[in-house]
Amino acid sequence: MRPSPPAPLRHPLDPARVRTLPGHFAWVDHRLRERLRELSLEEIALLFFLHLAADKHGLSFWADATIARKLRLGEGDVVQARFRLVAKGLVAYRYPLYQLLPLADTRP
């Protein structure tokens, strides 16, 4: 367990601009930090996009061509990133549906 920073460091740097979570806020499991080194930049971009686009069940119907345009990637890059994310157990896919999968607990 990491120690907490000293109290003065836990206060916002700009108290007038503290973010609030909107009703449509997407979340990313913090354990994903430990998996990032396994992923290419295209895989990270696609995975993050899917986290932002998914509903409460982790489902997204965004088309590969649209995702590619939004991420400024080639459609083939998105398809390859999807194949690799599926192989790594992070995403399930059956046209036209993406599903974000829960991360396994990696603690011993």
PDB file of N, CA and C in Angstrom:
ATOM      1  N   MET A   1       0.845  -1.175   0.000  1.00  0.00           N
ATOM      2  CA  MET A   1       0.000   0.000   0.000  1.00  0.00           C
ATOM      3  C   MET A   1       0.893   1.241   0.000  1.00  0.00           C
ATOM      4  N   ARG A   2       0.578   2.182  -0.874  1.00  0.00           N
ATOM      5  CA  ARG A   2       1.349   3.416  -0.941  1.00  0.00           C
ATOM      6  C   ARG A   2       0.916   4.377   0.151  1.00  0.00           C
ATOM      7  N   PRO A   3       1.901   5.092   0.748  1.00  0.00           N
ATOM      8  CA  PRO A   3       1.519   6.094   1.751  1.00  0.00           C
ATOM      9  C   PRO A   3       0.812   7.264   1.081  1.00  0.00           C
ATOM     10  N   SER A   4      -0.076   7.899   1.827  1.00  0.00           N
ATOM     11  CA  SER A   4      -0.768   9.084   1.317  1.00  0.00           C
ATOM     12  C   SER A   4       0.197  10.255   1.285  1.00  0.00           C
ATOM     13  N   PRO A   5       0.042  11.153   0.309  1.00  0.00           N
ATOM     14  CA  PRO A   5       0.880  12.352   0.315  1.00  0.00           C
ATOM     15  C   PRO A   5       0.529  13.223   1.515  1.00  0.00           C
ATOM     16  N   PRO A   6       1.452  14.088   1.913  1.00  0.00           N
ATOM     17  CA  PRO A   6       1.143  14.998   3.026  1.00  0.00           C
ATOM     18  C   PRO A   6      -0.117  15.810   2.726  1.00  0.00           C
ATOM     19  N   ALA A   7      -0.829  16.191   3.756  1.00  0.00           N
ATOM     20  CA  ALA A   7      -2.108  16.899   3.608  1.00  0.00           C
ATOM     21  C   ALA A   7      -2.062  18.072   2.639  1.00  0.00           C
ATOM     22  N   PRO A   8      -1.042  18.966   2.669  1.00  0.00           N
ATOM     23  CA  PRO A   8      -1.057  20.094   1.732  1.00  0.00           C
ATOM     24  C   PRO A   8      -1.025  19.656   0.260  1.00  0.00           C
ATOM     25  N   LEU A   9      -0.461  18.497  -0.039  1.00  0.00           N
ATOM     26  CA  LEU A   9      -0.395  18.029  -1.423  1.00  0.00           C
ATOM     27  C   LEU A   9      -1.694  17.385  -1.887  1.00  0.00           C
ATOM     28  N   ARG A  10      -2.608  17.128  -0.985  1.00  0.00           N
ATOM     29  CA  ARG A  10      -3.886  16.515  -1.356  1.00  0.00           C
ATOM     30  C   ARG A  10      -4.942  17.557  -1.699  1.00  0.00           C
ATOM     31  N   HIS A  11      -4.625  18.813  -1.567  1.00  0.00           N
ATOM     32  CA  HIS A  11      -5.576  19.874  -1.887  1.00  0.00           C
ATOM     33  C   HIS A  11      -5.439  20.250  -3.357  1.00  0.00           C
ATOM     34  N   PRO A  12      -6.528  20.616  -3.998  1.00  0.00           N
ATOM     35  CA  PRO A  12      -6.464  21.006  -5.413  1.00  0.00           C
ATOM     36  C   PRO A  12      -5.520  22.186  -5.630  1.00  0.00           C
ATOM     37  N   LEU A  13      -4.816  22.149  -6.742  1.00  0.00           N
ATOM     38  CA  LEU A  13      -3.942  23.262  -7.101  1.00  0.00           C
ATOM     39  C   LEU A  13      -4.751  24.496  -7.452  1.00  0.00           C
ATOM     40  N   ASP A  14      -5.903  24.279  -8.076  1.00  0.00           N
ATOM     41  CA  ASP A  14      -6.783  25.372  -8.468  1.00  0.00           C
ATOM     42  C   ASP A  14      -8.187  25.062  -7.944  1.00  0.00           C
ATOM     43  N   PRO A  15      -8.475  25.454  -6.700  1.00  0.00           N
ATOM     44  CA  PRO A  15      -9.768  25.095  -6.083  1.00  0.00           C
ATOM     45  C   PRO A  15     -10.982  25.607  -6.846  1.00  0.00           C
ATOM     46  N   ALA A  16     -10.827  26.643  -7.639  1.00  0.00           N
ATOM     47  CA  ALA A  16     -11.959  27.179  -8.394  1.00  0.00           C
ATOM     48  C   ALA A  16     -12.290  26.316  -9.612  1.00  0.00           C
ATOM     49  N   ARG A  17     -11.395  25.390  -9.939  1.00  0.00           N
ATOM     50  CA  ARG A  17     -11.606  24.576 -11.137  1.00  0.00           C
ATOM     51  C   ARG A  17     -11.545  23.086 -10.830  1.00  0.00           C
ATOM     52  N   VAL A  18     -12.128  22.657  -9.750  1.00  0.00           N
ATOM     53  CA  VAL A  18     -12.177  21.237  -9.403  1.00  0.00           C
ATOM     54  C   VAL A  18     -13.245  20.582 -10.274  1.00  0.00           C
ATOM     55  N   ARG A  19     -12.876  19.481 -10.929  1.00  0.00           N
ATOM     56  CA  ARG A  19     -13.846  18.840 -11.820  1.00  0.00           C
ATOM     57  C   ARG A  19     -14.904  18.105 -11.026  1.00  0.00           C
ATOM     58  N   THR A  20     -16.072  18.027 -11.615  1.00  0.00           N
ATOM     59  CA  THR A  20     -17.148  17.217 -11.061  1.00  0.00           C
ATOM     60  C   THR A  20     -17.462  16.145 -12.092  1.00  0.00           C
ATOM     61  N   LEU A  21     -17.999  15.060 -11.656  1.00  0.00           N
ATOM     62  CA  LEU A  21     -18.282  13.963 -12.561  1.00  0.00           C
ATOM     63  C   LEU A  21     -19.673  14.129 -13.158  1.00  0.00           C
ATOM     64  N   PRO A  22     -19.750  14.263 -14.482  1.00  0.00           N
ATOM     65  CA  PRO A  22     -21.067  14.373 -15.115  1.00  0.00           C
ATOM     66  C   PRO A  22     -21.783  13.021 -15.081  1.00  0.00           C
ATOM     67  N   GLY A  23     -23.055  13.041 -15.328  1.00  0.00           N
ATOM     68  CA  GLY A  23     -23.851  11.822 -15.313  1.00  0.00           C
ATOM     69  C   GLY A  23     -23.392  10.798 -16.327  1.00  0.00           C
ATOM     70  N   HIS A  24     -22.759  11.230 -17.394  1.00  0.00           N
ATOM     71  CA  HIS A  24     -22.317  10.315 -18.444  1.00  0.00           C
ATOM     72  C   HIS A  24     -20.849   9.925 -18.276  1.00  0.00           C
ATOM     73  N   PHE A  25     -20.270  10.128 -17.094  1.00  0.00           N
ATOM     74  CA  PHE A  25     -18.853   9.874 -16.870  1.00  0.00           C
ATOM     75  C   PHE A  25     -18.514   8.396 -17.076  1.00  0.00           C
ATOM     76  N   ALA A  26     -17.467   8.149 -17.852  1.00  0.00           N
ATOM     77  CA  ALA A  26     -16.963   6.796 -18.055  1.00  0.00           C
ATOM     78  C   ALA A  26     -15.857   6.532 -17.042  1.00  0.00           C
ATOM     79  N   TRP A  27     -15.625   5.282 -16.727  1.00  0.00           N
ATOM     80  CA  TRP A  27     -14.566   4.975 -15.787  1.00  0.00           C
ATOM     81  C   TRP A  27     -13.622   3.961 -16.401  1.00  0.00           C
ATOM     82  N   VAL A  28     -12.393   3.999 -15.917  1.00  0.00           N
ATOM     83  CA  VAL A  28     -11.359   3.068 -16.342  1.00  0.00           C
ATOM     84  C   VAL A  28     -10.801   2.422 -15.075  1.00  0.00           C
ATOM     85  N   ASP A  29     -10.749   1.125 -15.058  1.00  0.00           N
ATOM     86  CA  ASP A  29     -10.224   0.396 -13.911  1.00  0.00           C
ATOM     87  C   ASP A  29      -8.762   0.777 -13.691  1.00  0.00           C
ATOM     88  N   HIS A  30      -8.431   1.198 -12.482  1.00  0.00           N
ATOM     89  CA  HIS A  30      -7.071   1.650 -12.191  1.00  0.00           C
ATOM     90  C   HIS A  30      -6.028   0.549 -12.386  1.00  0.00           C
ATOM     91  N   ARG A  31      -6.435  -0.703 -12.365  1.00  0.00           N
ATOM     92  CA  ARG A  31      -5.485  -1.798 -12.581  1.00  0.00           C
ATOM     93  C   ARG A  31      -4.952  -1.825 -14.008  1.00  0.00           C
ATOM     94  N   LEU A  32      -5.613  -1.108 -14.907  1.00  0.00           N
ATOM     95  CA  LEU A  32      -5.143  -1.029 -16.285  1.00  0.00           C
ATOM     96  C   LEU A  32      -3.757  -0.384 -16.368  1.00  0.00           C
ATOM     97  N   ARG A  33      -3.423   0.462 -15.396  1.00  0.00           N
ATOM     98  CA  ARG A  33      -2.080   1.077 -15.381  1.00  0.00           C
ATOM     99  C   ARG A  33      -0.995   0.022 -15.457  1.00  0.00           C
ATOM    100  N   GLU A  34      -1.205  -1.090 -14.789  1.00  0.00           N
ATOM    101  CA  GLU A  34      -0.195  -2.144 -14.750  1.00  0.00           C
ATOM    102  C   GLU A  34      -0.097  -2.910 -16.075  1.00  0.00           C
ATOM    103  N   ARG A  35      -1.089  -2.769 -16.926  1.00  0.00           N
ATOM    104  CA  ARG A  35      -1.107  -3.486 -18.207  1.00  0.00           C
ATOM    105  C   ARG A  35      -0.661  -2.622 -19.380  1.00  0.00           C
ATOM    106  N   LEU A  36      -0.524  -1.309 -19.169  1.00  0.00           N
ATOM    107  CA  LEU A  36      -0.234  -0.404 -20.282  1.00  0.00           C
ATOM    108  C   LEU A  36       1.053  -0.747 -21.017  1.00  0.00           C
ATOM    109  N   ARG A  37       2.069  -1.218 -20.297  1.00  0.00           N
ATOM    110  CA  ARG A  37       3.342  -1.514 -20.956  1.00  0.00           C
ATOM    111  C   ARG A  37       3.223  -2.668 -21.943  1.00  0.00           C
ATOM    112  N   GLU A  38       2.164  -3.473 -21.832  1.00  0.00           N
ATOM    113  CA  GLU A  38       1.921  -4.590 -22.758  1.00  0.00           C
ATOM    114  C   GLU A  38       1.253  -4.134 -24.051  1.00  0.00           C
ATOM    115  N   LEU A  39       0.765  -2.898 -24.074  1.00  0.00           N
ATOM    116  CA  LEU A  39      -0.086  -2.440 -25.166  1.00  0.00           C
ATOM    117  C   LEU A  39       0.633  -1.459 -26.087  1.00  0.00           C
ATOM    118  N   SER A  40       0.285  -1.528 -27.371  1.00  0.00           N
ATOM    119  CA  SER A  40       0.775  -0.533 -28.332  1.00  0.00           C
ATOM    120  C   SER A  40      -0.023   0.758 -28.160  1.00  0.00           C
ATOM    121  N   LEU A  41       0.464   1.824 -28.750  1.00  0.00           N
ATOM    122  CA  LEU A  41      -0.274   3.092 -28.664  1.00  0.00           C
ATOM    123  C   LEU A  41      -1.653   2.977 -29.311  1.00  0.00           C
ATOM    124  N   GLU A  42      -1.755   2.224 -30.395  1.00  0.00           N
ATOM    125  CA  GLU A  42      -3.051   2.027 -31.044  1.00  0.00           C
ATOM    126  C   GLU A  42      -4.007   1.260 -30.133  1.00  0.00           C
ATOM    127  N   GLU A  43      -3.497   0.260 -29.435  1.00  0.00           N
ATOM    128  CA  GLU A  43      -4.333  -0.504 -28.513  1.00  0.00           C
ATOM    129  C   GLU A  43      -4.796   0.367 -27.347  1.00  0.00           C
ATOM    130  N   ILE A  44      -3.888   1.186 -26.819  1.00  0.00           N
ATOM    131  CA  ILE A  44      -4.257   2.089 -25.724  1.00  0.00           C
ATOM    132  C   ILE A  44      -5.325   3.074 -26.194  1.00  0.00           C
ATOM    133  N   ALA A  45      -5.122   3.645 -27.385  1.00  0.00           N
ATOM    134  CA  ALA A  45      -6.093   4.611 -27.911  1.00  0.00           C
ATOM    135  C   ALA A  45      -7.464   3.967 -28.088  1.00  0.00           C
ATOM    136  N   LEU A  46      -7.505   2.781 -28.677  1.00  0.00           N
ATOM    137  CA  LEU A  46      -8.784   2.098 -28.889  1.00  0.00           C
ATOM    138  C   LEU A  46      -9.430   1.733 -27.557  1.00  0.00           C
ATOM    139  N   LEU A  47      -8.664   1.187 -26.643  1.00  0.00           N
ATOM    140  CA  LEU A  47      -9.209   0.790 -25.352  1.00  0.00           C
ATOM    141  C   LEU A  47      -9.768   1.994 -24.594  1.00  0.00           C
ATOM    142  N   PHE A  48      -9.039   3.105 -24.598  1.00  0.00           N
ATOM    143  CA  PHE A  48      -9.519   4.310 -23.919  1.00  0.00           C
ATOM    144  C   PHE A  48     -10.780   4.828 -24.596  1.00  0.00           C
ATOM    145  N   PHE A  49     -10.797   4.855 -25.927  1.00  0.00           N
ATOM    146  CA  PHE A  49     -11.987   5.287 -26.652  1.00  0.00           C
ATOM    147  C   PHE A  49     -13.184   4.415 -26.269  1.00  0.00           C
ATOM    148  N   LEU A  50     -12.983   3.103 -26.225  1.00  0.00           N
ATOM    149  CA  LEU A  50     -14.086   2.206 -25.881  1.00  0.00           C
ATOM    150  C   LEU A  50     -14.574   2.439 -24.455  1.00  0.00           C
ATOM    151  N   HIS A  51     -13.657   2.755 -23.539  1.00  0.00           N
ATOM    152  CA  HIS A  51     -14.086   3.078 -22.181  1.00  0.00           C
ATOM    153  C   HIS A  51     -14.955   4.337 -22.161  1.00  0.00           C
ATOM    154  N   LEU A  52     -14.610   5.293 -22.999  1.00  0.00           N
ATOM    155  CA  LEU A  52     -15.400   6.522 -23.054  1.00  0.00           C
ATOM    156  C   LEU A  52     -16.736   6.320 -23.762  1.00  0.00           C
ATOM    157  N   ALA A  53     -16.766   5.404 -24.714  1.00  0.00           N
ATOM    158  CA  ALA A  53     -17.961   5.214 -25.541  1.00  0.00           C
ATOM    159  C   ALA A  53     -18.922   4.169 -24.978  1.00  0.00           C
ATOM    160  N   ALA A  54     -18.454   3.326 -24.065  1.00  0.00           N
ATOM    161  CA  ALA A  54     -19.252   2.188 -23.617  1.00  0.00           C
ATOM    162  C   ALA A  54     -20.392   2.604 -22.693  1.00  0.00           C
ATOM    163  N   ASP A  55     -21.427   1.787 -22.698  1.00  0.00           N
ATOM    164  CA  ASP A  55     -22.525   1.987 -21.753  1.00  0.00           C
ATOM    165  C   ASP A  55     -22.156   1.357 -20.415  1.00  0.00           C
ATOM    166  N   LYS A  56     -23.098   1.308 -19.489  1.00  0.00           N
ATOM    167  CA  LYS A  56     -22.802   0.810 -18.141  1.00  0.00           C
ATOM    168  C   LYS A  56     -22.437  -0.671 -18.124  1.00  0.00           C
ATOM    169  N   HIS A  57     -22.721  -1.385 -19.209  1.00  0.00           N
ATOM    170  CA  HIS A  57     -22.371  -2.803 -19.300  1.00  0.00           C
ATOM    171  C   HIS A  57     -21.065  -3.018 -20.064  1.00  0.00           C
ATOM    172  N   GLY A  58     -20.411  -1.923 -20.457  1.00  0.00           N
ATOM    173  CA  GLY A  58     -19.161  -2.026 -21.207  1.00  0.00           C
ATOM    174  C   GLY A  58     -19.371  -2.288 -22.685  1.00  0.00           C
ATOM    175  N   LEU A  59     -20.560  -2.018 -23.189  1.00  0.00           N
ATOM    176  CA  LEU A  59     -20.883  -2.297 -24.590  1.00  0.00           C
ATOM    177  C   LEU A  59     -20.810  -1.040 -25.442  1.00  0.00           C
ATOM    178  N   SER A  60     -20.326  -1.214 -26.665  1.00  0.00           N
ATOM    179  CA  SER A  60     -20.248  -0.107 -27.609  1.00  0.00           C
ATOM    180  C   SER A  60     -20.521  -0.625 -29.011  1.00  0.00           C
ATOM    181  N   PHE A  61     -21.293   0.155 -29.760  1.00  0.00           N
ATOM    182  CA  PHE A  61     -21.623  -0.197 -31.136  1.00  0.00           C
ATOM    183  C   PHE A  61     -20.900   0.693 -32.150  1.00  0.00           C
ATOM    184  N   TRP A  62     -19.886   1.438 -31.738  1.00  0.00           N
ATOM    185  CA  TRP A  62     -19.194   2.328 -32.663  1.00  0.00           C
ATOM    186  C   TRP A  62     -18.526   1.521 -33.769  1.00  0.00           C
ATOM    187  N   ALA A  63     -18.648   2.003 -35.004  1.00  0.00           N
ATOM    188  CA  ALA A  63     -18.050   1.330 -36.152  1.00  0.00           C
ATOM    189  C   ALA A  63     -16.548   1.605 -36.208  1.00  0.00           C
ATOM    190  N   ASP A  64     -15.808   0.622 -36.712  1.00  0.00           N
ATOM    191  CA  ASP A  64     -14.358   0.768 -36.820  1.00  0.00           C
ATOM    192  C   ASP A  64     -13.966   2.010 -37.627  1.00  0.00           C
ATOM    193  N   ALA A  65     -14.677   2.280 -38.709  1.00  0.00           N
ATOM    194  CA  ALA A  65     -14.346   3.444 -39.542  1.00  0.00           C
ATOM    195  C   ALA A  65     -14.527   4.741 -38.762  1.00  0.00           C
ATOM    196  N   THR A  66     -15.575   4.819 -37.968  1.00  0.00           N
ATOM    197  CA  THR A  66     -15.824   6.014 -37.165  1.00  0.00           C
ATOM    198  C   THR A  66     -14.777   6.152 -36.070  1.00  0.00           C
ATOM    199  N   ILE A  67     -14.456   5.042 -35.413  1.00  0.00           N
ATOM    200  CA  ILE A  67     -13.415   5.070 -34.384  1.00  0.00           C
ATOM    201  C   ILE A  67     -12.095   5.521 -34.999  1.00  0.00           C
ATOM    202  N   ALA A  68     -11.768   4.990 -36.150  1.00  0.00           N
ATOM    203  CA  ALA A  68     -10.518   5.354 -36.829  1.00  0.00           C
ATOM    204  C   ALA A  68     -10.474   6.860 -37.102  1.00  0.00           C
ATOM    205  N   ARG A  69     -11.571   7.420 -37.594  1.00  0.00           N
ATOM    206  CA  ARG A  69     -11.604   8.869 -37.859  1.00  0.00           C
ATOM    207  C   ARG A  69     -11.420   9.659 -36.568  1.00  0.00           C
ATOM    208  N   LYS A  70     -12.119   9.248 -35.523  1.00  0.00           N
ATOM    209  CA  LYS A  70     -12.025   9.971 -34.244  1.00  0.00           C
ATOM    210  C   LYS A  70     -10.608   9.915 -33.669  1.00  0.00           C
ATOM    211  N   LEU A  71      -9.923   8.782 -33.843  1.00  0.00           N
ATOM    212  CA  LEU A  71      -8.578   8.601 -33.290  1.00  0.00           C
ATOM    213  C   LEU A  71      -7.473   8.999 -34.267  1.00  0.00           C
ATOM    214  N   ARG A  72      -7.868   9.379 -35.479  1.00  0.00           N
ATOM    215  CA  ARG A  72      -6.904   9.720 -36.535  1.00  0.00           C
ATOM    216  C   ARG A  72      -5.957   8.557 -36.815  1.00  0.00           C
ATOM    217  N   LEU A  73      -6.555   7.384 -36.919  1.00  0.00           N
ATOM    218  CA  LEU A  73      -5.837   6.167 -37.258  1.00  0.00           C
ATOM    219  C   LEU A  73      -6.424   5.604 -38.539  1.00  0.00           C
ATOM    220  N   GLY A  74      -5.688   4.704 -39.166  1.00  0.00           N
ATOM    221  CA  GLY A  74      -6.249   3.976 -40.283  1.00  0.00           C
ATOM    222  C   GLY A  74      -7.222   2.932 -39.765  1.00  0.00           C
ATOM    223  N   GLU A  75      -8.222   2.622 -40.572  1.00  0.00           N
ATOM    224  CA  GLU A  75      -9.194   1.617 -40.139  1.00  0.00           C
ATOM    225  C   GLU A  75      -8.509   0.274 -39.889  1.00  0.00           C
ATOM    226  N   GLY A  76      -7.517  -0.056 -40.706  1.00  0.00           N
ATOM    227  CA  GLY A  76      -6.765  -1.291 -40.505  1.00  0.00           C
ATOM    228  C   GLY A  76      -6.038  -1.307 -39.171  1.00  0.00           C
ATOM    229  N   ASP A  77      -5.556  -0.137 -38.728  1.00  0.00           N
ATOM    230  CA  ASP A  77      -4.895  -0.044 -37.424  1.00  0.00           C
ATOM    231  C   ASP A  77      -5.871  -0.344 -36.292  1.00  0.00           C
ATOM    232  N   VAL A  78      -7.102   0.139 -36.429  1.00  0.00           N
ATOM    233  CA  VAL A  78      -8.130  -0.115 -35.425  1.00  0.00           C
ATOM    234  C   VAL A  78      -8.466  -1.610 -35.397  1.00  0.00           C
ATOM    235  N   VAL A  79      -8.607  -2.208 -36.562  1.00  0.00           N
ATOM    236  CA  VAL A  79      -8.930  -3.636 -36.640  1.00  0.00           C
ATOM    237  C   VAL A  79      -7.809  -4.467 -36.010  1.00  0.00           C
ATOM    238  N   GLN A  80      -6.563  -4.146 -36.334  1.00  0.00           N
ATOM    239  CA  GLN A  80      -5.438  -4.886 -35.750  1.00  0.00           C
ATOM    240  C   GLN A  80      -5.364  -4.700 -34.238  1.00  0.00           C
ATOM    241  N   ALA A  81      -5.582  -3.467 -33.770  1.00  0.00           N
ATOM    242  CA  ALA A  81      -5.586  -3.204 -32.330  1.00  0.00           C
ATOM    243  C   ALA A  81      -6.698  -4.013 -31.663  1.00  0.00           C
ATOM    244  N   ARG A  82      -7.854  -4.091 -32.310  1.00  0.00           N
ATOM    245  CA  ARG A  82      -8.972  -4.875 -31.758  1.00  0.00           C
ATOM    246  C   ARG A  82      -8.592  -6.340 -31.641  1.00  0.00           C
ATOM    247  N   PHE A  83      -7.999  -6.910 -32.695  1.00  0.00           N
ATOM    248  CA  PHE A  83      -7.582  -8.312 -32.643  1.00  0.00           C
ATOM    249  C   PHE A  83      -6.640  -8.561 -31.462  1.00  0.00           C
ATOM    250  N   ARG A  84      -5.697  -7.645 -31.260  1.00  0.00           N
ATOM    251  CA  ARG A  84      -4.729  -7.814 -30.176  1.00  0.00           C
ATOM    252  C   ARG A  84      -5.386  -7.651 -28.802  1.00  0.00           C
ATOM    253  N   LEU A  85      -6.324  -6.704 -28.679  1.00  0.00           N
ATOM    254  CA  LEU A  85      -7.037  -6.530 -27.399  1.00  0.00           C
ATOM    255  C   LEU A  85      -7.898  -7.747 -27.077  1.00  0.00           C
ATOM    256  N   VAL A  86      -8.500  -8.339 -28.090  1.00  0.00           N
ATOM    257  CA  VAL A  86      -9.281  -9.565 -27.895  1.00  0.00           C
ATOM    258  C   VAL A  86      -8.344 -10.682 -27.433  1.00  0.00           C
ATOM    259  N   ALA A  87      -7.192 -10.828 -28.096  1.00  0.00           N
ATOM    260  CA  ALA A  87      -6.231 -11.884 -27.736  1.00  0.00           C
ATOM    261  C   ALA A  87      -5.711 -11.708 -26.311  1.00  0.00           C
ATOM    262  N   LYS A  88      -5.624 -10.461 -25.847  1.00  0.00           N
ATOM    263  CA  LYS A  88      -5.127 -10.174 -24.499  1.00  0.00           C
ATOM    264  C   LYS A  88      -6.229 -10.227 -23.445  1.00  0.00           C
ATOM    265  N   GLY A  89      -7.462 -10.524 -23.872  1.00  0.00           N
ATOM    266  CA  GLY A  89      -8.561 -10.684 -22.931  1.00  0.00           C
ATOM    267  C   GLY A  89      -9.110  -9.383 -22.378  1.00  0.00           C
ATOM    268  N   LEU A  90      -8.872  -8.274 -23.066  1.00  0.00           N
ATOM    269  CA  LEU A  90      -9.358  -6.983 -22.589  1.00  0.00           C
ATOM    270  C   LEU A  90     -10.679  -6.581 -23.230  1.00  0.00           C
ATOM    271  N   VAL A  91     -10.961  -7.137 -24.407  1.00  0.00           N
ATOM    272  CA  VAL A  91     -12.150  -6.781 -25.174  1.00  0.00           C
ATOM    273  C   VAL A  91     -12.722  -8.049 -25.804  1.00  0.00           C
ATOM    274  N   ALA A  92     -14.031  -8.127 -25.872  1.00  0.00           N
ATOM    275  CA  ALA A  92     -14.702  -9.149 -26.679  1.00  0.00           C
ATOM    276  C   ALA A  92     -15.314  -8.414 -27.861  1.00  0.00           C
ATOM    277  N   TYR A  93     -15.415  -9.100 -29.004  1.00  0.00           N
ATOM    278  CA  TYR A  93     -15.968  -8.450 -30.183  1.00  0.00           C
ATOM    279  C   TYR A  93     -16.740  -9.469 -31.008  1.00  0.00           C
ATOM    280  N   ARG A  94     -17.945  -9.062 -31.398  1.00  0.00           N
ATOM    281  CA  ARG A  94     -18.739  -9.770 -32.396  1.00  0.00           C
ATOM    282  C   ARG A  94     -19.476  -8.680 -33.150  1.00  0.00           C
ATOM    283  N   TYR A  95     -19.196  -8.596 -34.429  1.00  0.00           N
ATOM    284  CA  TYR A  95     -19.753  -7.517 -35.237  1.00  0.00           C
ATOM    285  C   TYR A  95     -21.237  -7.352 -34.955  1.00  0.00           C
ATOM    286  N   PRO A  96     -21.639  -6.151 -34.693  1.00  0.00           N
ATOM    287  CA  PRO A  96     -20.930  -4.870 -34.614  1.00  0.00           C
ATOM    288  C   PRO A  96     -20.615  -4.428 -33.179  1.00  0.00           C
ATOM    289  N   LEU A  97     -20.585  -5.375 -32.260  1.00  0.00           N
ATOM    290  CA  LEU A  97     -20.564  -5.034 -30.837  1.00  0.00           C
ATOM    291  C   LEU A  97     -19.201  -5.272 -30.197  1.00  0.00           C
ATOM    292  N   TYR A  98     -18.703  -4.236 -29.510  1.00  0.00           N
ATOM    293  CA  TYR A  98     -17.527  -4.352 -28.647  1.00  0.00           C
ATOM    294  C   TYR A  98     -18.028  -4.531 -27.224  1.00  0.00           C
ATOM    295  N   GLN A  99     -17.306  -5.313 -26.434  1.00  0.00           N
ATOM    296  CA  GLN A  99     -17.583  -5.414 -25.005  1.00  0.00           C
ATOM    297  C   GLN A  99     -16.261  -5.308 -24.252  1.00  0.00           C
ATOM    298  N   LEU A 100     -16.187  -4.342 -23.340  1.00  0.00           N
ATOM    299  CA  LEU A 100     -15.033  -4.243 -22.453  1.00  0.00           C
ATOM    300  C   LEU A 100     -15.147  -5.344 -21.421  1.00  0.00           C
ATOM    301  N   LEU A 101     -14.060  -6.057 -21.183  1.00  0.00           N
ATOM    302  CA  LEU A 101     -14.070  -7.153 -20.231  1.00  0.00           C
ATOM    303  C   LEU A 101     -13.429  -6.712 -18.923  1.00  0.00           C
ATOM    304  N   PRO A 102     -13.876  -7.287 -17.816  1.00  0.00           N
ATOM    305  CA  PRO A 102     -13.274  -6.916 -16.531  1.00  0.00           C
ATOM    306  C   PRO A 102     -11.827  -7.391 -16.473  1.00  0.00           C
ATOM    307  N   LEU A 103     -10.999  -6.617 -15.778  1.00  0.00           N
ATOM    308  CA  LEU A 103      -9.603  -6.992 -15.600  1.00  0.00           C
ATOM    309  C   LEU A 103      -9.500  -8.030 -14.494  1.00  0.00           C
ATOM    310  N   ALA A 104      -8.670  -9.024 -14.727  1.00  0.00           N
ATOM    311  CA  ALA A 104      -8.413 -10.018 -13.693  1.00  0.00           C
ATOM    312  C   ALA A 104      -7.548  -9.385 -12.618  1.00  0.00           C
ATOM    313  N   ASP A 105      -7.772  -9.768 -11.402  1.00  0.00           N
ATOM    314  CA  ASP A 105      -6.930  -9.253 -10.307  1.00  0.00           C
ATOM    315  C   ASP A 105      -5.572  -9.905 -10.429  1.00  0.00           C
ATOM    316  N   THR A 106      -4.525  -9.094 -10.567  1.00  0.00           N
ATOM    317  CA  THR A 106      -3.172  -9.619 -10.798  1.00  0.00           C
ATOM    318  C   THR A 106      -2.378  -9.778  -9.516  1.00  0.00           C
ATOM    319  N   ARG A 107      -2.979  -9.518  -8.377  1.00  0.00           N
ATOM    320  CA  ARG A 107      -2.269  -9.677  -7.109  1.00  0.00           C
ATOM    321  C   ARG A 107      -2.031 -11.153  -6.828  1.00  0.00           C
ATOM    322  N   PRO A 108      -0.860 -11.476  -6.226  1.00  0.00           N
ATOM    323  CA  PRO A 108      -0.573 -12.890  -5.917  1.00  0.00           C
ATOM    324  C   PRO A 108      -1.495 -13.448  -4.863  1.00  0.00           C
TER     325      PRO A 108
END
